[in-house]
Amino acid sequence: MLVTRRYPAGLMAPSPAGAHAQAAARPQAHVPSPPDERAAWLVAIALGTLGVLALVAVLTGLVGGNARPAPAASPPPVPLAAALPAPGGAVSASPPGARHVGVIVGRPTAAQQSADARRFESQPAALIAARWMEGFYPIYGTAQETFAVNWLLLASIHEQESAFSTAPGTYRGLNFAHCCGGPMQFNVTNGPPSTWQLVNDSYIYGRRPAAYGHMTATHPSIYDDFDSIMAAAHLLSADGAEYRLDGSAWMAAYDYYGHDLTGVTYADQVLARAIGWSQHGFCFDCGVRPGLMEAVHAAYGAPVMRSLLSAAAARSNRPRPPGAGPTHGAGPTHGARATRGAGPTHGARATRGSCRAGAACR
């Protein structure tokens, strides 16, 4: 018996015409679109361009083994090459004693003066990296341009005070005399106003470098290299220092330390070092030439030393009033510091309350 089976319409094979109609009616939502090839072409073009540029850079020496390092910082220009001083050069229009009148002074003990004297007389050459010194060159240059002071004199004091900011304790606390601190060893205790307070705003007159060795968060600060060096340049200028490394520069260095026998040694070393640099080039790790020291002392230090010794002898022979106590100290009164640091030994400027650029400190 013939059995006829019936299937659901969806399972029966459609006719060709029906299949075409069903395909046309089938939804296309899940059929992926062909990828867009434009993005791939753009990436390929970009990579090719970068490859060509890299090849050109290598061939021209901009990268690779022929690349040149960034140029190192150079010292500022030297204004004048100083001549060897002649004996008997004048250092001051007035006798040294006249500069003490009414000035803010410190009175160091004999032990403190002796410690400084030994250090100055046996000061070894400092071992300092060239990269470290490069950070000071822009500061020296700005100070020289702003206050018209020979930067070699300023750098020599920087070396004398803190070995170019490498001495222990430069950036914290005070020195062994508990009076002075920072790269230029400013006195902060001999006021009010202290020496530092007189010149601490000197940094506003020059443009601060974008970066340097020790920049503090707040200004002014005796521990900030720029603030301290600019203040020292201002103080030297107020004391008569200019571009010339002569008797005026010697007296400014003498004022910076103080008026006693140790101050004479200090000024002799500072000026001799600066003159040597002006003649032979800046050498931050070289010692002071003995011949220059002798010439500077004969020209500037010896006359002042004789005056100090004569004044001390006169005081010792002077009758003492009844009941007077013993005298203390090994030499004349210090000008401005307890034993280290910048000091306002500027007799005519004894009552000054501030120091401003372009005018004497009074």
Protein backbone atom coordinates (compact mmCIF):
# COMPACT_ATOMS: atom_id res chain seq x y z
CA MET A 1 0.00 0.00 0.00
CA LEU A 2 1.33 3.34 -0.94
CA VAL A 3 1.81 5.62 2.06
CA THR A 4 2.04 9.31 1.48
CA ARG A 5 4.03 11.26 4.09
CA ARG A 6 3.50 14.88 4.75
CA TYR A 7 6.34 17.14 5.93
CA PRO A 8 6.15 20.62 7.35
CA ALA A 9 6.47 23.26 4.73
CA GLY A 10 9.74 24.49 6.26
CA LEU A 11 11.50 21.16 5.72
CA MET A 12 10.56 20.66 2.14
CA ALA A 13 13.15 21.68 -0.47
CA PRO A 14 11.91 24.77 -2.21
CA SER A 15 11.88 25.15 -5.87
CA PRO A 16 14.60 27.27 -7.50
CA ALA A 17 12.23 30.14 -7.78
CA GLY A 18 11.17 29.73 -4.15
CA ALA A 19 14.80 29.48 -2.91
CA HIS A 20 15.66 32.75 -4.60
CA ALA A 21 12.66 34.41 -3.02
CA GLN A 22 13.59 33.11 0.45
CA ALA A 23 17.20 34.30 0.12
CA ALA A 24 16.00 37.75 -0.84
CA ALA A 25 13.69 37.85 2.15
CA ARG A 26 16.25 36.49 4.73
CA PRO A 27 17.41 39.21 7.13
CA GLN A 28 21.12 40.31 6.76
CA ALA A 29 21.78 41.62 10.31
CA HIS A 30 24.33 38.91 11.25
CA VAL A 31 26.31 38.97 8.05
CA PRO A 32 29.71 40.73 8.71
CA SER A 33 30.76 43.56 6.48
CA PRO A 34 34.07 43.30 4.62
CA PRO A 35 36.95 45.04 6.43
CA ASP A 36 37.94 48.58 5.45
CA GLU A 37 41.48 48.48 4.01
CA ARG A 38 42.14 52.23 4.27
CA ALA A 39 43.34 52.05 7.92
CA ALA A 40 45.90 49.36 7.07
CA TRP A 41 47.25 51.46 4.22
CA LEU A 42 47.60 54.50 6.46
CA VAL A 43 49.56 52.50 9.06
CA ALA A 44 51.85 51.10 6.38
CA ILE A 45 52.53 54.56 4.96
CA ALA A 46 53.29 55.97 8.43
CA LEU A 47 55.72 53.15 9.25
CA GLY A 48 57.44 53.61 5.93
CA THR A 49 57.84 57.34 6.52
CA LEU A 50 59.34 56.76 9.97
CA GLY A 51 61.78 54.25 8.53
CA VAL A 52 62.96 56.73 5.92
CA LEU A 53 63.43 59.46 8.54
CA ALA A 54 65.40 57.11 10.81
CA LEU A 55 67.65 56.13 7.90
CA VAL A 56 68.29 59.77 7.07
CA ALA A 57 69.11 60.55 10.73
CA VAL A 58 71.63 57.72 10.91
CA LEU A 59 73.27 58.67 7.64
CA THR A 60 73.60 62.33 8.64
CA GLY A 61 75.00 61.52 12.10
CA LEU A 62 72.10 62.93 14.10
CA VAL A 63 71.73 59.64 15.95
CA GLY A 64 73.98 56.70 16.58
CA GLY A 65 77.73 56.71 17.00
CA ASN A 66 78.27 60.18 15.55
CA ALA A 67 75.88 61.94 17.95
CA ARG A 68 77.47 64.86 19.80
CA PRO A 69 76.85 65.38 23.54
CA ALA A 70 75.36 68.61 24.82
CA PRO A 71 78.02 71.28 25.24
CA ALA A 72 79.32 71.74 28.79
CA ALA A 73 78.78 75.02 30.58
CA SER A 74 81.70 77.43 30.33
CA PRO A 75 82.98 79.91 32.93
CA PRO A 76 81.87 83.52 32.48
CA PRO A 77 84.17 85.87 30.58
CA VAL A 78 86.98 87.41 32.63
CA PRO A 79 86.68 91.20 32.60
CA LEU A 80 90.37 91.99 33.09
CA ALA A 81 93.65 90.10 33.36
CA ALA A 82 95.22 91.45 36.53
CA ALA A 83 98.88 92.42 36.61
CA LEU A 84 101.20 91.36 39.38
CA PRO A 85 100.77 93.93 42.16
CA ALA A 86 103.67 96.20 42.95
CA PRO A 87 104.88 96.53 46.55
CA GLY A 88 103.49 99.41 48.54
CA GLY A 89 100.13 99.59 46.81
CA ALA A 90 97.50 101.59 48.64
CA VAL A 91 94.50 99.66 49.90
CA SER A 92 92.45 102.35 51.54
CA ALA A 93 92.16 106.11 51.54
CA SER A 94 91.66 106.04 55.31
CA PRO A 95 93.59 104.19 58.01
CA PRO A 96 92.16 100.75 58.89
CA GLY A 97 91.17 101.83 62.37
CA ALA A 98 88.83 104.47 60.99
CA ARG A 99 86.65 101.81 59.41
CA HIS A 100 85.66 100.38 62.79
CA VAL A 101 83.69 103.40 63.97
CA GLY A 102 80.16 102.38 64.91
CA VAL A 103 80.22 99.21 62.85
CA ILE A 104 78.37 96.01 63.76
CA VAL A 105 81.13 93.71 64.96
CA GLY A 106 81.70 90.25 66.29
CA ARG A 107 84.30 89.48 68.90
CA PRO A 108 85.74 86.01 68.25
CA THR A 109 87.86 84.27 70.80
CA ALA A 110 91.58 83.79 70.32
CA ALA A 111 90.95 80.08 69.69
CA GLN A 112 88.51 80.83 66.89
CA GLN A 113 90.91 83.22 65.18
CA SER A 114 93.76 80.73 65.50
CA ALA A 115 91.65 77.93 63.99
CA ASP A 116 90.87 80.08 60.96
CA ALA A 117 94.48 81.19 60.61
CA ARG A 118 95.74 77.58 60.57
CA ARG A 119 93.13 76.60 58.01
CA PHE A 120 93.94 79.51 55.70
CA GLU A 121 97.68 78.97 55.87
CA SER A 122 97.49 75.22 55.16
CA GLN A 123 94.49 75.15 52.86
CA PRO A 124 94.87 72.19 50.43
CA ALA A 125 93.61 72.20 46.87
CA ALA A 126 90.02 71.03 46.74
CA LEU A 127 89.04 67.97 44.71
CA ILE A 128 85.86 69.04 42.96
CA ALA A 129 84.12 67.60 39.90
CA ALA A 130 83.89 69.78 36.80
CA ARG A 131 80.19 68.98 36.50
CA TRP A 132 79.62 70.38 40.00
CA MET A 133 81.32 73.65 39.10
CA GLU A 134 79.29 74.08 35.92
CA GLY A 135 76.23 74.75 38.04
CA PHE A 136 77.86 77.88 39.51
CA TYR A 137 78.96 79.51 36.25
CA PRO A 138 75.54 81.03 35.41
CA ILE A 139 75.30 82.37 38.98
CA TYR A 140 78.77 83.93 38.83
CA GLY A 141 77.94 85.47 35.46
CA THR A 142 74.68 86.97 36.71
CA ALA A 143 76.35 88.36 39.83
CA GLN A 144 79.15 89.94 37.79
CA GLU A 145 76.71 91.53 35.35
CA THR A 146 74.37 92.75 38.09
CA PHE A 147 76.83 94.21 40.60
CA ALA A 148 79.89 94.94 38.39
CA VAL A 149 82.16 92.79 40.56
CA ASN A 150 84.81 90.56 39.03
CA TRP A 151 83.41 87.05 39.25
CA LEU A 152 86.89 85.65 39.95
CA LEU A 153 87.01 87.56 43.24
CA LEU A 154 83.55 86.24 44.08
CA ALA A 155 84.51 82.67 43.17
CA SER A 156 87.69 82.93 45.21
CA ILE A 157 85.69 83.90 48.30
CA HIS A 158 83.29 81.04 47.54
CA GLU A 159 86.25 78.66 47.53
CA GLN A 160 87.71 80.18 50.70
CA GLU A 161 84.44 80.01 52.62
CA SER A 162 83.00 76.63 51.68
CA ALA A 163 85.25 75.01 49.03
CA PHE A 164 82.64 75.80 46.39
CA SER A 165 79.78 74.60 48.59
CA THR A 166 81.38 71.20 49.27
CA ALA A 167 82.45 71.77 52.89
CA PRO A 168 80.53 69.75 55.50
CA GLY A 169 77.55 71.64 56.86
CA THR A 170 77.33 74.09 53.95
CA TYR A 171 73.61 73.58 53.49
CA ARG A 172 72.52 73.16 57.09
CA GLY A 173 73.17 74.67 60.48
CA LEU A 174 75.89 77.18 61.32
CA ASN A 175 79.67 77.00 61.47
CA PHE A 176 81.82 76.07 64.46
CA ALA A 177 81.47 79.62 65.83
CA HIS A 178 77.66 79.31 65.62
CA CYS A 179 77.39 82.58 63.71
CA CYS A 180 77.53 81.95 59.98
CA GLY A 181 76.20 79.54 57.40
CA GLY A 182 75.62 78.73 53.76
CA PRO A 183 77.89 78.67 50.70
CA MET A 184 79.24 82.18 51.41
CA GLN A 185 79.12 81.85 55.23
CA PHE A 186 76.98 84.86 56.01
CA ASN A 187 76.68 86.02 59.59
CA VAL A 188 73.10 85.71 60.84
CA THR A 189 73.78 86.52 64.52
CA ASN A 190 75.53 89.92 64.56
CA GLY A 191 72.41 92.09 64.37
CA PRO A 192 69.89 93.26 64.29
CA PRO A 193 70.25 93.80 61.48
CA SER A 194 72.68 90.97 60.80
CA THR A 195 74.96 91.03 57.79
CA TRP A 196 72.64 88.59 56.04
CA GLN A 197 69.62 90.80 56.70
CA LEU A 198 71.39 93.74 55.09
CA VAL A 199 71.82 92.05 51.73
CA ASN A 200 69.48 89.05 51.69
CA ASP A 201 67.21 90.57 49.03
CA SER A 202 70.05 90.93 46.51
CA TYR A 203 68.72 88.02 44.45
CA ILE A 204 65.83 90.16 43.16
CA TYR A 205 68.21 92.23 41.00
CA GLY A 206 69.32 89.35 38.79
CA ARG A 207 67.59 86.63 36.83
CA ARG A 208 67.63 83.31 38.65
CA PRO A 209 68.91 80.39 36.52
CA ALA A 210 66.32 77.76 35.68
CA ALA A 211 68.33 75.09 37.49
CA TYR A 212 71.43 74.94 39.66
CA GLY A 213 72.96 72.83 42.41
CA HIS A 214 71.09 73.75 45.57
CA MET A 215 67.83 75.62 45.12
CA THR A 216 65.74 76.06 48.26
CA ALA A 217 61.96 76.07 48.34
CA THR A 218 61.73 79.59 49.80
CA HIS A 219 63.74 82.76 49.23
CA PRO A 220 65.86 84.38 50.45
CA SER A 221 67.91 81.64 52.06
CA ILE A 222 71.57 81.58 53.09
CA TYR A 223 71.56 77.94 51.93
CA ASP A 224 70.44 78.74 48.39
CA ASP A 225 73.46 79.06 46.08
CA PHE A 226 71.95 81.87 44.01
CA ASP A 227 70.64 83.89 46.97
CA SER A 228 73.91 83.60 48.87
CA ILE A 229 76.29 84.33 45.99
CA MET A 230 74.24 87.30 44.80
CA ALA A 231 74.28 88.71 48.35
CA ALA A 232 78.06 88.28 48.54
CA ALA A 233 78.51 90.10 45.23
CA HIS A 234 76.32 92.95 46.49
CA LEU A 235 78.34 93.18 49.70
CA LEU A 236 81.66 93.21 47.84
CA SER A 237 80.38 95.91 45.51
CA ALA A 238 79.23 98.02 48.45
CA ASP A 239 82.75 97.68 49.88
CA GLY A 240 84.33 99.07 46.73
CA ALA A 241 85.15 95.97 44.68
CA GLU A 242 84.93 96.36 40.90
CA TYR A 243 86.28 94.50 37.88
CA ARG A 244 89.88 95.36 38.79
CA LEU A 245 91.72 92.93 41.05
CA ASP A 246 93.66 95.56 42.94
CA GLY A 247 93.81 97.23 46.33
CA SER A 248 90.06 97.90 46.35
CA ALA A 249 89.39 94.20 45.78
CA TRP A 250 91.82 93.33 48.58
CA MET A 251 90.07 95.69 50.98
CA ALA A 252 86.65 94.30 50.04
CA ALA A 253 87.90 90.79 50.84
CA TYR A 254 89.43 92.09 54.09
CA ASP A 255 86.07 93.63 54.99
CA TYR A 256 84.33 90.36 54.11
CA TYR A 257 86.26 88.47 56.77
CA GLY A 258 87.02 91.14 59.39
CA HIS A 259 89.75 93.50 60.48
CA ASP A 260 92.38 91.45 62.26
CA LEU A 261 95.57 89.59 61.42
CA THR A 262 93.62 86.53 60.29
CA GLY A 263 91.64 88.79 57.97
CA VAL A 264 94.90 89.90 56.35
CA THR A 265 95.78 86.29 55.54
CA TYR A 266 92.26 85.74 54.26
CA ALA A 267 92.37 88.74 51.91
CA ASP A 268 95.87 87.85 50.69
CA GLN A 269 94.74 84.37 49.70
CA VAL A 270 91.47 85.47 48.12
CA LEU A 271 93.06 88.12 45.91
CA ALA A 272 96.14 86.06 44.99
CA ARG A 273 93.92 83.19 43.87
CA ALA A 274 91.72 85.50 41.79
CA ILE A 275 94.73 87.17 40.13
CA GLY A 276 96.20 83.77 39.30
CA TRP A 277 92.95 82.71 37.64
CA SER A 278 92.85 85.91 35.60
CA GLN A 279 96.38 85.27 34.33
CA HIS A 280 96.33 81.52 33.79
CA GLY A 281 92.65 80.56 33.47
CA PHE A 282 90.07 79.46 36.00
CA CYS A 283 91.31 76.36 37.82
CA PHE A 284 88.93 75.41 40.60
CA ASP A 285 91.08 72.55 41.90
CA CYS A 286 94.41 74.39 41.97
CA GLY A 287 96.08 75.89 45.00
CA VAL A 288 97.22 79.48 45.45
CA ARG A 289 100.59 80.22 43.84
CA PRO A 290 103.15 81.10 46.56
CA GLY A 291 104.74 83.82 44.42
CA LEU A 292 101.41 85.56 43.98
CA MET A 293 100.69 85.31 47.69
CA GLU A 294 103.99 86.99 48.46
CA ALA A 295 103.36 89.76 45.92
CA VAL A 296 99.83 90.44 47.15
CA HIS A 297 100.92 90.47 50.77
CA ALA A 298 103.80 92.83 50.05
CA ALA A 299 101.54 95.21 48.15
CA TYR A 300 98.40 95.16 50.28
CA GLY A 301 98.59 92.90 53.30
CA ALA A 302 101.88 93.98 54.83
CA PRO A 303 100.98 97.67 55.25
CA VAL A 304 97.70 96.79 56.94
CA MET A 305 99.40 94.22 59.13
CA ARG A 306 101.95 96.80 60.29
CA SER A 307 99.11 99.18 61.11
CA LEU A 308 97.30 96.52 63.11
CA LEU A 309 100.43 95.57 65.05
CA SER A 310 101.20 99.21 65.79
CA ALA A 311 97.67 99.79 67.05
CA ALA A 312 97.88 96.67 69.23
CA ALA A 313 101.22 97.81 70.66
CA ALA A 314 99.80 101.23 71.44
CA ARG A 315 96.87 99.69 73.26
CA SER A 316 99.11 97.42 75.29
CA ASN A 317 101.21 100.38 76.42
CA ARG A 318 98.19 102.48 77.34
CA PRO A 319 97.60 102.76 81.12
CA ARG A 320 94.60 100.74 82.15
CA PRO A 321 91.97 102.28 84.44
CA PRO A 322 91.78 100.91 87.99
CA GLY A 323 89.60 97.79 88.26
CA ALA A 324 89.67 97.00 84.55
CA GLY A 325 89.39 93.30 83.79
CA PRO A 326 91.75 91.27 81.61
CA THR A 327 91.73 91.74 77.87
CA HIS A 328 90.73 88.87 75.58
CA GLY A 329 91.46 87.91 72.00
CA ALA A 330 94.58 87.53 69.91
CA GLY A 331 94.07 90.45 67.56
CA PRO A 332 92.02 93.48 66.63
CA THR A 333 88.25 93.37 66.57
CA HIS A 334 86.66 91.44 63.75
CA GLY A 335 84.77 93.58 61.31
CA ALA A 336 81.57 91.69 60.77
CA ARG A 337 81.72 88.03 61.64
CA ALA A 338 82.28 85.99 64.68
CA THR A 339 85.06 84.28 62.79
CA ARG A 340 83.66 83.20 59.44
CA GLY A 341 81.14 84.64 57.07
CA ALA A 342 80.49 87.96 55.45
CA GLY A 343 80.66 90.89 57.76
CA PRO A 344 79.57 94.50 57.56
CA THR A 345 82.97 96.03 58.30
CA HIS A 346 82.05 99.22 56.52
CA GLY A 347 82.65 102.07 58.96
CA ALA A 348 80.82 104.74 56.99
CA ARG A 349 77.91 102.37 56.54
CA ALA A 350 77.53 101.59 60.21
CA THR A 351 73.92 102.70 60.52
CA ARG A 352 72.65 101.28 57.25
CA GLY A 353 69.39 99.43 57.46
CA SER A 354 69.32 97.99 53.99
CA CYS A 355 71.52 97.47 50.98
CA ARG A 356 70.12 98.30 47.56
CA ALA A 357 71.60 97.82 44.11
CA GLY A 358 73.03 100.93 42.50
CA ALA A 359 73.60 102.69 45.84
CA ALA A 360 75.99 102.38 48.73
CA CYS A 361 74.83 100.40 51.72
CA ARG A 362 74.14 102.88 54.50
